[in-house]
Amino acid sequence: MSNPQRIFGTDGVRGTANIEPVTAETALKLGRAAAHVFKTLSSHARGLGRHKIVIGKDTRLSGYMLENALSSGILSMGVDVIFIGPLPTPGVAYVTRSLRADAGIVITASHNPYDDNGIKFFRADGYKLDDAVEARIEELVFSGAINHIRPVASEIGKALRVDDAIGRYIEYAKASFPKRMNLEGLRIVVDCAHGATYKTTPSVLRELGAEVIVYGNQPDGTNINKDCGAMHPGHLCRRVLEHRAQLGLAHDGDGDRVLLCDEQGSLADGDDILAICGLEWLHRGALPERTVVCTVMSNAGLDAALAAAGGRTVRTPVGDKHVIEEMLRGGYTLGGEQSGHLIFREFATTGDGLVAALQVLSIMKEKDALLSQLRLCWTRFPQKLVNVRVQEKVPFERLDGFTALLAEAETAVGAEGGRVFVRYSGTEPKARVLVEARSEEVVEVWCERLAALIRTQIGA
């Protein structure tokens, strides 16, 4: 019987480093289980020789511990390991493909503080694992079904380090920028969050001709995401004004997201990037199915802007994994989240903050326009999000009067081209009420009425 325990969340395994499930012991078991699963998915390795798995990481202190534990488990199953060191998550996905590996692993907790860490897997093609493969790995971690598999002598795996992984990723990222263009004449401020992009993003922008001023590029293992980067973008906006730059960009710790700042010091999020790129690609006739994929948290103004241009949005649950799955299902090439996870599937298989920034920069150069001007292509609807702490997560339809009130709210807000979205947090005891409409007054009224009903009946 398989153990019903779960260690995979919405984006791999994540938690406080050295506390279950992010321990050396569990990492070793994950390494063994993953090696077995990827080895059995195909009887022949994708490249020459034995099956091999790439391991990359961000700049957290605990990365050393998990890297060694994972590799020990993989090697013990007769699968080789390729270490590539600190590299952005999209870089690990790309190098996995580039080296013809059977899988890739990135050790990161993304935007979390340094004392957290996590383990994410990529398939041989650079996409994240589907649920069935994750479930199989999980089952093997707990069931002990592969404990007896012990290759010996020359059948044990070997490890090697690839020193040019950063160079490979830099060339890949540059290839997403039009060859006929350069970034000469632009001054760009970059905040790398003391994370995995501390070498790559500044190098790419400089090699394309920009003047680059860098912050957050001195990782010490404990300062990743600390008062900097995409989680604290106010620092970036101040520096853009201070240096009179034309653009600023901030990454999170593993570089799979980006937020931009225009020359006026105003922040641009993932919705801005989706609107700018989506509308430009629509105009060029280069947007498959005239569709942009976004999540339920994206602003309703994005739908309105695309619809007015003859396009549309498809919405998914929160999480870039869901966005990518929908993109693959529908053959779409542009998708992302308000938080700055942007997937340009023409170039990447996962969210890539650097590639996303380069796409906006290419439009700036093509149109000879600043970001503040490009952002005028759409109008953000007034939006309000209220978090209500709850005693228990009772299905909303069981709350007295909620269904009727929600229907009334949807009618009123819908008349203004807006929407209402109510859900429970997946990680906290909170109900989230989101209301958008063209009128700020309508947003305020209905958000507060819905939140008040929830608070009165199940509020903590």
Protein backbone atom coordinates (compact mmCIF):
# COMPACT_ATOMS: atom_id res chain seq x y z
CA MET A 1 0.00 0.00 0.00
CA SER A 2 1.33 3.44 -0.81
CA ASN A 3 1.67 5.94 2.02
CA PRO A 4 -0.88 8.78 1.74
CA GLN A 5 1.58 11.37 3.08
CA ARG A 6 2.27 14.36 0.85
CA ILE A 7 5.48 16.29 0.47
CA PHE A 8 4.86 17.95 -2.89
CA GLY A 9 3.01 21.25 -2.78
CA THR A 10 1.87 23.46 -5.64
CA ASP A 11 5.48 24.02 -6.73
CA GLY A 12 7.64 21.12 -5.60
CA VAL A 13 8.75 20.48 -2.03
CA ARG A 14 9.18 23.54 0.18
CA GLY A 15 9.58 24.41 3.85
CA THR A 16 12.05 25.39 6.55
CA ALA A 17 15.47 23.97 5.70
CA ASN A 18 16.56 21.06 7.92
CA ILE A 19 13.00 20.48 9.13
CA GLU A 20 10.83 17.87 7.42
CA PRO A 21 10.24 17.58 4.59
CA VAL A 22 13.24 19.73 3.61
CA THR A 23 15.88 17.61 5.35
CA ALA A 24 18.97 15.79 4.15
CA GLU A 25 17.29 12.47 4.93
CA THR A 26 14.20 13.18 2.84
CA ALA A 27 16.29 14.77 0.08
CA LEU A 28 18.32 11.57 -0.18
CA LYS A 29 15.09 9.55 -0.48
CA LEU A 30 13.76 12.00 -3.06
CA GLY A 31 16.98 11.60 -5.02
CA ARG A 32 16.66 7.82 -5.01
CA ALA A 33 12.98 7.91 -5.92
CA ALA A 34 13.45 10.48 -8.70
CA ALA A 35 16.41 8.59 -10.16
CA HIS A 36 14.35 5.39 -10.26
CA VAL A 37 11.33 7.08 -11.84
CA PHE A 38 13.28 8.91 -14.54
CA LYS A 39 15.37 5.83 -15.24
CA THR A 40 12.28 3.71 -15.75
CA LEU A 41 10.44 6.31 -17.84
CA SER A 42 12.91 5.48 -20.60
CA SER A 43 15.14 2.42 -20.76
CA HIS A 44 17.68 4.45 -22.75
CA ALA A 45 19.34 7.64 -21.56
CA ARG A 46 18.64 10.75 -23.66
CA GLY A 47 22.33 11.49 -24.07
CA LEU A 48 25.37 9.28 -24.40
CA GLY A 49 26.14 6.84 -21.61
CA ARG A 50 24.03 6.48 -18.50
CA HIS A 51 20.93 8.31 -17.37
CA LYS A 52 21.81 11.66 -15.82
CA ILE A 53 20.11 14.35 -13.76
CA VAL A 54 21.12 18.02 -13.59
CA ILE A 55 21.17 19.74 -10.18
CA GLY A 56 21.18 23.54 -9.87
CA LYS A 57 20.36 25.83 -6.96
CA ASP A 58 19.93 29.40 -5.80
CA THR A 59 22.21 31.09 -3.27
CA ARG A 60 20.81 29.83 0.05
CA LEU A 61 23.17 28.44 2.66
CA SER A 62 21.16 25.23 2.95
CA GLY A 63 21.60 24.54 -0.75
CA TYR A 64 24.91 22.80 -0.06
CA MET A 65 23.26 20.34 2.32
CA LEU A 66 20.39 19.49 0.01
CA GLU A 67 22.56 19.34 -3.09
CA ASN A 68 24.81 16.70 -1.55
CA ALA A 69 21.93 14.68 -0.11
CA LEU A 70 20.04 14.63 -3.40
CA SER A 71 23.11 13.66 -5.38
CA SER A 72 23.92 10.82 -2.96
CA GLY A 73 20.48 9.36 -3.48
CA ILE A 74 20.66 9.70 -7.26
CA LEU A 75 24.14 8.19 -7.48
CA SER A 76 23.13 5.27 -5.29
CA MET A 77 20.57 4.30 -7.95
CA GLY A 78 23.14 4.16 -10.73
CA VAL A 79 22.24 7.51 -12.28
CA ASP A 80 24.85 10.19 -12.95
CA VAL A 81 24.65 13.73 -11.55
CA ILE A 82 25.66 16.96 -13.26
CA PHE A 83 26.24 19.88 -10.87
CA ILE A 84 25.78 23.32 -12.43
CA GLY A 85 25.92 25.50 -9.30
CA PRO A 86 23.85 28.64 -8.69
CA LEU A 87 21.65 29.37 -11.70
CA PRO A 88 18.15 30.82 -12.14
CA THR A 89 15.34 28.26 -12.21
CA PRO A 90 14.72 28.85 -15.96
CA GLY A 91 18.44 28.34 -16.50
CA VAL A 92 18.27 24.92 -14.87
CA ALA A 93 15.35 24.02 -17.14
CA TYR A 94 17.28 25.18 -20.20
CA VAL A 95 20.54 23.42 -19.27
CA THR A 96 18.60 20.20 -18.61
CA ARG A 97 17.50 20.31 -22.25
CA SER A 98 20.84 21.53 -23.53
CA LEU A 99 22.79 18.70 -21.89
CA ARG A 100 20.26 16.06 -22.98
CA ALA A 101 19.70 15.08 -19.35
CA ASP A 102 16.84 12.87 -18.26
CA ALA A 103 15.65 15.37 -15.65
CA GLY A 104 16.59 18.56 -13.85
CA ILE A 105 16.37 19.55 -10.20
CA VAL A 106 16.57 23.08 -8.82
CA ILE A 107 17.08 23.65 -5.09
CA THR A 108 15.24 26.86 -4.24
CA ALA A 109 12.47 28.40 -2.17
CA SER A 110 11.98 31.15 -4.75
CA HIS A 111 10.79 34.36 -3.04
CA ASN A 112 10.82 32.92 0.51
CA PRO A 113 13.34 34.00 3.20
CA TYR A 114 16.76 32.32 3.29
CA ASP A 115 15.91 29.89 6.10
CA ASP A 116 13.40 28.16 3.80
CA ASN A 117 14.38 25.98 0.90
CA GLY A 118 12.76 23.66 -1.61
CA ILE A 119 13.23 21.10 -4.36
CA LYS A 120 11.64 21.41 -7.82
CA PHE A 121 11.88 18.91 -10.65
CA PHE A 122 11.89 19.34 -14.41
CA ARG A 123 11.25 16.74 -17.05
CA ALA A 124 13.77 16.09 -19.80
CA ASP A 125 12.01 18.68 -21.99
CA GLY A 126 12.34 21.40 -19.33
CA TYR A 127 8.71 21.45 -18.24
CA LYS A 128 7.61 20.84 -14.66
CA LEU A 129 6.46 17.37 -13.67
CA ASP A 130 2.86 16.37 -14.11
CA ASP A 131 0.90 15.21 -11.08
CA ALA A 132 1.19 11.51 -11.93
CA VAL A 133 4.99 11.56 -11.94
CA GLU A 134 5.09 13.59 -8.72
CA ALA A 135 2.74 11.09 -7.10
CA ARG A 136 4.93 8.18 -8.18
CA ILE A 137 8.04 9.81 -6.70
CA GLU A 138 6.14 10.58 -3.52
CA GLU A 139 4.92 7.00 -3.23
CA LEU A 140 8.46 5.63 -3.54
CA VAL A 141 9.78 8.02 -0.88
CA PHE A 142 7.37 6.62 1.70
CA SER A 143 6.74 3.02 0.61
CA GLY A 144 10.28 1.66 0.73
CA ALA A 145 9.54 -0.21 -2.49
CA ILE A 146 12.99 0.55 -3.93
CA ASN A 147 15.05 0.03 -0.77
CA HIS A 148 16.38 -3.24 -2.17
CA ILE A 149 17.73 -1.65 -5.36
CA ARG A 150 21.45 -1.24 -4.70
CA PRO A 151 23.76 -1.01 -7.71
CA VAL A 152 27.33 -1.90 -6.82
CA ALA A 153 30.86 -1.49 -8.20
CA SER A 154 30.91 0.25 -11.59
CA GLU A 155 27.09 0.48 -11.67
CA ILE A 156 27.08 3.26 -9.05
CA GLY A 157 26.55 6.68 -10.59
CA LYS A 158 29.24 9.30 -10.93
CA ALA A 159 29.09 13.06 -10.53
CA LEU A 160 30.66 15.82 -12.56
CA ARG A 161 30.51 19.60 -12.58
CA VAL A 162 29.76 21.64 -15.70
CA ASP A 163 31.52 24.98 -15.53
CA ASP A 164 29.90 26.67 -18.52
CA ALA A 165 26.25 26.44 -17.41
CA ILE A 166 26.06 30.19 -16.77
CA GLY A 167 27.49 30.89 -20.23
CA ARG A 168 25.00 28.54 -21.85
CA TYR A 169 22.08 30.29 -20.14
CA ILE A 170 23.40 33.76 -20.99
CA GLU A 171 23.57 32.88 -24.69
CA TYR A 172 20.11 31.31 -24.56
CA ALA A 173 18.61 34.42 -22.95
CA LYS A 174 20.32 36.76 -25.43
CA ALA A 175 18.88 34.69 -28.29
CA SER A 176 15.36 35.72 -27.17
CA PHE A 177 16.21 39.34 -28.02
CA PRO A 178 16.06 40.38 -31.70
CA LYS A 179 19.50 40.09 -33.31
CA ARG A 180 19.01 43.34 -35.24
CA MET A 181 18.66 45.29 -31.98
CA ASN A 182 20.83 46.30 -29.06
CA LEU A 183 20.31 48.14 -25.79
CA GLU A 184 22.77 50.96 -26.38
CA GLY A 185 21.63 54.25 -24.90
CA LEU A 186 19.61 52.65 -22.11
CA ARG A 187 20.54 52.91 -18.44
CA ILE A 188 18.98 50.03 -16.50
CA VAL A 189 18.91 49.44 -12.75
CA VAL A 190 18.82 45.77 -11.75
CA ASP A 191 18.02 44.28 -8.33
CA CYS A 192 19.03 40.61 -8.25
CA ALA A 193 17.72 39.98 -4.69
CA HIS A 194 21.12 38.47 -3.78
CA GLY A 195 19.79 35.43 -5.60
CA ALA A 196 20.50 33.20 -8.56
CA THR A 197 20.49 36.00 -11.15
CA TYR A 198 23.37 37.92 -9.58
CA LYS A 199 25.67 37.11 -12.50
CA THR A 200 23.36 36.29 -15.39
CA THR A 201 21.01 39.26 -15.74
CA PRO A 202 23.70 41.98 -15.46
CA SER A 203 25.88 40.06 -17.94
CA VAL A 204 23.13 39.70 -20.55
CA LEU A 205 22.08 43.35 -20.37
CA ARG A 206 25.68 44.57 -20.60
CA GLU A 207 26.50 42.26 -23.49
CA LEU A 208 23.48 43.70 -25.32
CA GLY A 209 24.87 47.20 -24.86
CA ALA A 210 23.02 48.66 -21.86
CA GLU A 211 24.58 50.66 -19.06
CA VAL A 212 23.74 48.53 -16.02
CA ILE A 213 23.66 49.55 -12.36
CA VAL A 214 23.35 46.50 -10.14
CA TYR A 215 22.08 45.98 -6.61
CA GLY A 216 21.46 42.74 -4.73
CA ASN A 217 24.40 41.00 -6.36
CA GLN A 218 26.44 40.04 -3.29
CA PRO A 219 24.85 36.83 -1.98
CA ASP A 220 26.24 35.49 1.30
CA GLY A 221 23.85 32.57 1.78
CA THR A 222 21.62 34.43 4.21
CA ASN A 223 20.59 37.67 2.47
CA ILE A 224 18.54 36.29 -0.44
CA ASN A 225 15.27 38.28 -0.82
CA LYS A 226 16.10 40.30 2.32
CA ASP A 227 14.64 43.80 1.91
CA CYS A 228 15.36 43.70 -1.81
CA GLY A 229 14.31 42.21 -5.13
CA ALA A 230 10.80 41.60 -6.37
CA MET A 231 9.49 41.12 -2.83
CA HIS A 232 10.58 44.66 -1.86
CA PRO A 233 10.43 46.66 -5.11
CA GLY A 234 10.35 50.06 -3.43
CA HIS A 235 14.14 49.92 -3.29
CA LEU A 236 14.30 49.47 -7.07
CA CYS A 237 11.94 52.37 -7.74
CA ARG A 238 13.99 54.73 -5.58
CA ARG A 239 17.21 53.71 -7.35
CA VAL A 240 15.72 54.22 -10.81
CA LEU A 241 14.91 57.83 -9.92
CA GLU A 242 18.27 58.33 -8.21
CA HIS A 243 20.23 57.13 -11.24
CA ARG A 244 17.85 58.71 -13.79
CA ALA A 245 17.53 55.33 -15.47
CA GLN A 246 15.15 54.49 -18.29
CA LEU A 247 14.14 51.19 -16.70
CA GLY A 248 14.49 49.10 -13.56
CA LEU A 249 13.95 45.39 -13.09
CA ALA A 250 13.79 43.28 -9.94
CA HIS A 251 13.97 39.51 -9.67
CA ASP A 252 13.01 37.13 -6.91
CA GLY A 253 15.58 34.74 -5.44
CA ASP A 254 15.46 32.13 -8.20
CA GLY A 255 14.89 34.48 -11.12
CA ASP A 256 11.67 33.02 -12.49
CA ARG A 257 9.81 36.28 -12.00
CA VAL A 258 10.40 39.96 -12.69
CA LEU A 259 8.83 43.29 -11.80
CA LEU A 260 9.68 46.39 -13.81
CA CYS A 261 9.93 50.06 -12.89
CA ASP A 262 9.45 52.84 -15.43
CA GLU A 263 11.56 55.99 -15.65
CA GLN A 264 9.05 57.84 -13.45
CA GLY A 265 9.58 55.42 -10.57
CA SER A 266 6.26 53.60 -11.01
CA LEU A 267 6.13 49.84 -10.63
CA ALA A 268 4.90 47.59 -13.45
CA ASP A 269 3.74 44.08 -12.59
CA GLY A 270 3.01 40.90 -14.54
CA ASP A 271 -0.35 42.22 -15.76
CA ASP A 272 1.37 45.24 -17.30
CA ILE A 273 3.83 42.96 -19.09
CA LEU A 274 1.06 40.66 -20.35
CA ALA A 275 -0.90 43.66 -21.64
CA ILE A 276 2.09 45.28 -23.37
CA CYS A 277 3.35 42.09 -25.00
CA GLY A 278 -0.09 40.58 -25.66
CA LEU A 279 -1.40 43.67 -27.43
CA GLU A 280 1.81 44.10 -29.42
CA TRP A 281 1.74 40.49 -30.57
CA LEU A 282 -1.95 40.82 -31.44
CA HIS A 283 -1.11 43.84 -33.59
CA ARG A 284 1.64 41.85 -35.36
CA GLY A 285 -0.63 38.83 -35.86
CA ALA A 286 1.83 36.79 -33.79
CA LEU A 287 -0.37 35.74 -30.86
CA PRO A 288 -1.63 32.15 -31.33
CA GLU A 289 -5.41 31.89 -30.99
CA ARG A 290 -5.32 35.62 -30.11
CA THR A 291 -5.12 34.44 -26.50
CA VAL A 292 -3.19 35.36 -23.36
CA VAL A 293 -3.28 32.97 -20.39
CA CYS A 294 -3.47 34.54 -16.92
CA THR A 295 -4.68 33.51 -13.46
CA VAL A 296 -7.81 34.38 -11.54
CA MET A 297 -5.84 37.11 -9.76
CA SER A 298 -5.07 39.16 -12.90
CA ASN A 299 -6.83 42.50 -13.18
CA ALA A 300 -10.08 42.59 -15.15
CA GLY A 301 -8.74 45.52 -17.15
CA LEU A 302 -6.47 43.03 -18.91
CA ASP A 303 -9.52 41.15 -20.25
CA ALA A 304 -11.12 44.40 -21.36
CA ALA A 305 -7.99 45.66 -23.18
CA LEU A 306 -7.44 42.40 -25.04
CA ALA A 307 -11.13 42.07 -25.93
CA ALA A 308 -11.16 45.60 -27.36
CA ALA A 309 -8.23 44.62 -29.61
CA GLY A 310 -9.91 41.41 -30.77
CA GLY A 311 -8.13 39.09 -28.36
CA ARG A 312 -9.11 37.27 -25.20
CA THR A 313 -7.80 35.89 -21.91
CA VAL A 314 -8.04 32.38 -20.53
CA ARG A 315 -7.86 32.24 -16.74
CA THR A 316 -6.40 29.48 -14.56
CA PRO A 317 -6.02 28.87 -10.82
CA VAL A 318 -3.12 30.65 -9.11
CA GLY A 319 0.30 29.13 -9.84
CA ASP A 320 2.55 29.21 -12.88
CA LYS A 321 2.24 25.42 -13.14
CA HIS A 322 -1.46 25.85 -13.97
CA VAL A 323 -0.66 28.61 -16.46
CA ILE A 324 1.86 26.43 -18.28
CA GLU A 325 -0.50 23.45 -18.35
CA GLU A 326 -3.19 25.59 -19.99
CA MET A 327 -0.70 27.01 -22.46
CA LEU A 328 0.36 23.52 -23.50
CA ARG A 329 -3.27 22.37 -23.72
CA GLY A 330 -4.35 25.25 -25.95
CA GLY A 331 -1.15 25.81 -27.92
CA TYR A 332 -0.75 29.32 -26.47
CA THR A 333 2.63 31.06 -26.23
CA LEU A 334 2.10 33.93 -23.77
CA GLY A 335 0.95 33.58 -20.19
CA GLY A 336 1.76 34.59 -16.67
CA GLU A 337 0.79 35.90 -13.28
CA GLN A 338 0.35 39.33 -11.77
CA SER A 339 3.24 38.49 -9.41
CA GLY A 340 5.71 38.56 -12.29
CA HIS A 341 5.90 34.94 -13.38
CA LEU A 342 5.85 35.32 -17.17
CA ILE A 343 6.07 32.42 -19.62
CA PHE A 344 7.12 33.18 -23.18
CA ARG A 345 6.82 29.66 -24.52
CA GLU A 346 8.45 30.56 -27.83
CA PHE A 347 11.66 30.78 -25.81
CA ALA A 348 11.17 29.13 -22.41
CA THR A 349 9.47 26.19 -20.72
CA THR A 350 8.97 27.93 -17.38
CA GLY A 351 8.73 31.42 -15.94
CA ASP A 352 11.82 33.44 -16.86
CA GLY A 353 12.19 36.95 -15.45
CA LEU A 354 15.12 37.86 -17.69
CA VAL A 355 13.47 36.69 -20.91
CA ALA A 356 10.29 38.56 -19.94
CA ALA A 357 12.25 41.77 -19.36
CA LEU A 358 14.00 41.38 -22.72
CA GLN A 359 10.65 41.09 -24.52
CA VAL A 360 9.49 44.39 -23.05
CA LEU A 361 12.85 45.98 -23.86
CA SER A 362 12.54 44.83 -27.47
CA ILE A 363 9.16 46.59 -27.75
CA MET A 364 10.62 49.72 -26.15
CA LYS A 365 13.38 49.74 -28.77
CA GLU A 366 11.06 48.88 -31.67
CA LYS A 367 8.69 51.72 -30.81
CA ASP A 368 11.34 54.06 -29.44
CA ALA A 369 9.13 54.43 -26.38
CA LEU A 370 9.61 54.43 -22.63
CA LEU A 371 7.84 51.95 -20.39
CA SER A 372 5.57 54.67 -19.00
CA GLN A 373 4.30 55.23 -22.55
CA LEU A 374 3.84 51.53 -23.31
CA ARG A 375 1.74 51.09 -20.17
CA LEU A 376 -0.89 53.47 -21.56
CA CYS A 377 -2.11 50.59 -23.77
CA TRP A 378 -4.47 49.43 -21.03
CA THR A 379 -6.38 50.69 -18.03
CA ARG A 380 -6.26 48.84 -14.73
CA PHE A 381 -9.67 48.44 -13.11
CA PRO A 382 -10.00 49.51 -9.47
CA GLN A 383 -9.41 46.39 -7.39
CA LYS A 384 -9.74 45.52 -3.74
CA LEU A 385 -8.62 42.36 -1.98
CA VAL A 386 -9.71 41.67 1.59
CA ASN A 387 -8.32 38.78 3.63
CA VAL A 388 -10.63 37.51 6.35
CA ARG A 389 -9.07 35.26 9.00
CA VAL A 390 -11.45 32.35 9.63
CA GLN A 391 -11.94 29.71 12.32
CA GLU A 392 -12.63 27.01 9.74
CA LYS A 393 -12.91 26.74 5.97
CA VAL A 394 -16.62 26.10 5.63
CA PRO A 395 -17.76 25.78 1.99
CA PHE A 396 -19.04 29.23 1.08
CA GLU A 397 -22.35 27.90 -0.16
CA ARG A 398 -23.08 26.68 3.38
CA LEU A 399 -22.85 30.18 4.84
CA ASP A 400 -26.27 31.71 5.49
CA GLY A 401 -27.18 34.12 2.70
CA PHE A 402 -23.79 33.97 0.98
CA THR A 403 -24.94 32.48 -2.33
CA ALA A 404 -27.64 35.11 -2.77
CA LEU A 405 -25.29 37.95 -1.84
CA LEU A 406 -22.59 36.66 -4.22
CA ALA A 407 -25.09 36.49 -7.08
CA GLU A 408 -26.21 40.04 -6.35
CA ALA A 409 -22.59 41.22 -6.27
CA GLU A 410 -21.73 39.47 -9.53
CA THR A 411 -24.68 41.11 -11.27
CA ALA A 412 -23.76 44.59 -10.04
CA VAL A 413 -20.04 44.24 -10.73
CA GLY A 414 -20.57 42.43 -14.02
CA ALA A 415 -22.62 45.34 -15.31
CA GLU A 416 -19.40 47.37 -15.07
CA GLY A 417 -17.27 44.77 -16.83
CA GLY A 418 -15.80 43.64 -13.52
CA ARG A 419 -15.75 40.45 -11.54
CA VAL A 420 -15.94 38.93 -8.06
CA PHE A 421 -13.64 36.18 -6.86
CA VAL A 422 -13.84 34.48 -3.47
CA ARG A 423 -11.60 31.64 -2.33
CA TYR A 424 -9.85 30.20 0.70
CA SER A 425 -6.08 30.50 0.98
CA GLY A 426 -4.28 27.22 0.32
CA THR A 427 -1.71 27.85 3.06
CA GLU A 428 -3.38 30.07 5.69
CA PRO A 429 -6.69 30.14 7.59
CA LYS A 430 -8.01 33.00 5.50
CA ALA A 431 -10.80 33.69 3.04
CA ARG A 432 -9.86 36.03 0.21
CA VAL A 433 -12.45 38.36 -1.33
CA LEU A 434 -11.42 40.10 -4.57
CA VAL A 435 -13.66 42.59 -6.36
CA GLU A 436 -12.90 44.58 -9.53
CA ALA A 437 -15.01 47.03 -11.49
CA ARG A 438 -14.69 50.28 -13.40
CA SER A 439 -16.11 52.18 -10.42
CA GLU A 440 -14.09 52.34 -7.20
CA GLU A 441 -17.28 52.93 -5.22
CA VAL A 442 -18.83 49.69 -6.51
CA VAL A 443 -15.64 47.81 -5.65
CA GLU A 444 -15.60 49.14 -2.08
CA VAL A 445 -19.27 48.42 -1.40
CA TRP A 446 -19.36 44.83 -2.61
CA CYS A 447 -15.98 43.82 -1.27
CA GLU A 448 -16.93 44.99 2.22
CA ARG A 449 -20.40 43.40 2.13
CA LEU A 450 -19.03 39.99 1.14
CA ALA A 451 -16.15 40.17 3.63
CA ALA A 452 -18.52 41.25 6.42
CA LEU A 453 -20.79 38.27 5.86
CA ILE A 454 -17.87 35.85 6.05
CA ARG A 455 -16.41 37.65 9.09
CA THR A 456 -19.72 37.57 10.96
CA GLN A 457 -20.28 33.83 10.50
CA ILE A 458 -16.83 32.20 10.60
CA GLY A 459 -14.35 34.99 11.37
CA ALA A 460 -11.57 34.20 13.84
